[in-house]
Amino acid sequence: MTLAGVLGFIFCMLVIGGAGIALDLVHLNMVDEVNQHLSERERFSPYWWGPWKTMRLLRDYRRLFPQGKRIRQMRSLALLSLLALVCSAFIFGFTLDSIAFVGVGGALSIWLTFRSPKTA
């Protein structure tokens, strides 16, 4: 691997790490904002996160803050991280089909997580 490839890979890893930390900070701020409007029994605990708890948080955030920007920030940071991951796989010389698989799978996962629910 050339020096440019090594530096590109390091840059991609720094972007992934920075986006991950920023995403976590946005998530924690979202939890704090939502918890201020919920009763003690309905509040989100900072522990044991999974997909269903995340979906409930996003639903409550949309309900409480219809014009809120946190979901858009989280989506942008997740997409930035995915883009850096795909770029680092390209730098490492992964095959195009495996890069496309990771890229499409990651984009689908981000879309399913952060999509707006249909209003009837």
Foldseek 3Di string as FASTA:
>chain_A
DDPVLVVLLVVLVVLLVVLVVVLVVLVVVLLVVLQVVDDPVPRDDPDDDDLVVLLVSLVSSCVVPVPDCSLVSNLVSLLSNLVSVLVNCVSVPDDPVVSVVSSVVSVVVSCVRRPDDDDD
